[in-house]
Amino acid sequence: MMTITDWAAIETFGNQYAANPRSFIQAYNDKISLFGTNDAALISMFGNVINLYKADANSTDFKPIVLDSNNQPVTKPCP
């Protein structure tokens, strides 16, 4: 699950996509190749403009996803 924290920034990303969809998609694909996962690519591309959450299979207990020191996505326990 993803939530948006900064709608103005998302609009900027949307404008970048609209101006050059191929370049935007290529940048995203490059990040997937670099980091190895969609989650890491999204977090690295959009930063604190979004929050990503993940729940285990058959669960509704969503936890935030952050990047660890190796730029790998990990769930972060809620305080």
Protein backbone atom coordinates (compact mmCIF):
# COMPACT_ATOMS: atom_id res chain seq x y z
CA MET A 1 0.00 0.00 0.00
CA MET A 2 1.20 3.51 -0.71
CA THR A 3 0.12 6.85 0.70
CA ILE A 4 1.07 10.28 -0.58
CA THR A 5 2.49 12.79 1.86
CA ASP A 6 3.08 15.74 -0.49
CA TRP A 7 0.50 16.27 -3.22
CA ALA A 8 2.34 19.24 -4.75
CA ALA A 9 5.48 17.14 -5.18
CA ILE A 10 3.45 14.28 -6.70
CA GLU A 11 2.01 16.79 -9.15
CA THR A 12 5.57 17.75 -10.10
CA PHE A 13 6.40 14.09 -10.70
CA GLY A 14 3.23 13.79 -12.77
CA ASN A 15 4.28 16.77 -14.87
CA GLN A 16 7.71 15.21 -15.41
CA TYR A 17 6.04 12.00 -16.52
CA ALA A 18 3.67 13.86 -18.85
CA ALA A 19 6.56 15.78 -20.41
CA ASN A 20 8.61 12.66 -21.13
CA PRO A 21 7.01 9.32 -20.20
CA ARG A 22 9.79 7.21 -21.71
CA SER A 23 12.49 9.00 -19.73
CA PHE A 24 10.50 8.78 -16.49
CA ILE A 25 9.83 5.06 -16.94
CA GLN A 26 13.47 4.46 -17.88
CA ALA A 27 14.63 6.24 -14.72
CA TYR A 28 12.32 4.01 -12.67
CA ASN A 29 13.52 0.86 -14.45
CA ASP A 30 17.13 1.94 -13.89
CA LYS A 31 16.43 2.20 -10.15
CA ILE A 32 14.87 -1.27 -10.15
CA SER A 33 18.03 -2.58 -11.82
CA LEU A 34 20.21 -0.73 -9.32
CA PHE A 35 18.35 -1.70 -6.14
CA GLY A 36 16.74 -4.98 -7.21
CA THR A 37 13.20 -4.33 -5.97
CA ASN A 38 10.21 -2.18 -6.88
CA ASP A 39 9.89 -1.02 -3.27
CA ALA A 40 13.46 0.27 -3.15
CA ALA A 41 13.05 1.91 -6.56
CA LEU A 42 9.88 3.72 -5.47
CA ILE A 43 11.37 4.92 -2.19
CA SER A 44 14.58 6.09 -3.84
CA MET A 45 12.72 7.84 -6.65
CA PHE A 46 9.96 9.52 -4.63
CA GLY A 47 11.67 9.83 -1.23
CA ASN A 48 9.53 11.22 1.56
CA VAL A 49 6.79 12.21 -0.91
CA ILE A 50 5.29 8.74 -0.39
CA ASN A 51 4.99 6.17 2.35
CA LEU A 52 5.02 2.47 1.46
CA TYR A 53 3.52 -0.20 3.68
CA LYS A 54 3.58 -3.97 3.56
CA ALA A 55 1.63 -6.70 5.34
CA ASP A 56 2.42 -10.39 5.51
CA ALA A 57 0.20 -12.73 3.50
CA ASN A 58 -3.29 -13.08 5.01
CA SER A 59 -2.66 -10.15 7.35
CA THR A 60 -4.00 -6.63 7.67
CA ASP A 61 -1.10 -5.51 9.89
CA PHE A 62 0.64 -3.08 7.54
CA LYS A 63 4.09 -1.83 8.53
CA PRO A 64 6.06 1.02 6.94
CA ILE A 65 8.80 0.07 4.50
CA VAL A 66 12.11 1.92 4.72
CA LEU A 67 15.50 1.39 3.11
CA ASP A 68 18.23 -0.09 5.28
CA SER A 69 21.92 0.90 5.09
CA ASN A 70 22.30 -1.32 1.99
CA ASN A 71 19.33 0.33 0.24
CA GLN A 72 17.20 -2.77 0.71
CA PRO A 73 13.55 -2.42 1.75
CA VAL A 74 12.75 -3.57 5.28
CA THR A 75 9.64 -3.19 7.39
CA LYS A 76 9.94 -0.79 10.28
CA PRO A 77 7.99 -1.59 13.43
CA CYS A 78 5.53 1.10 14.38
CA PRO A 79 6.25 2.84 17.68
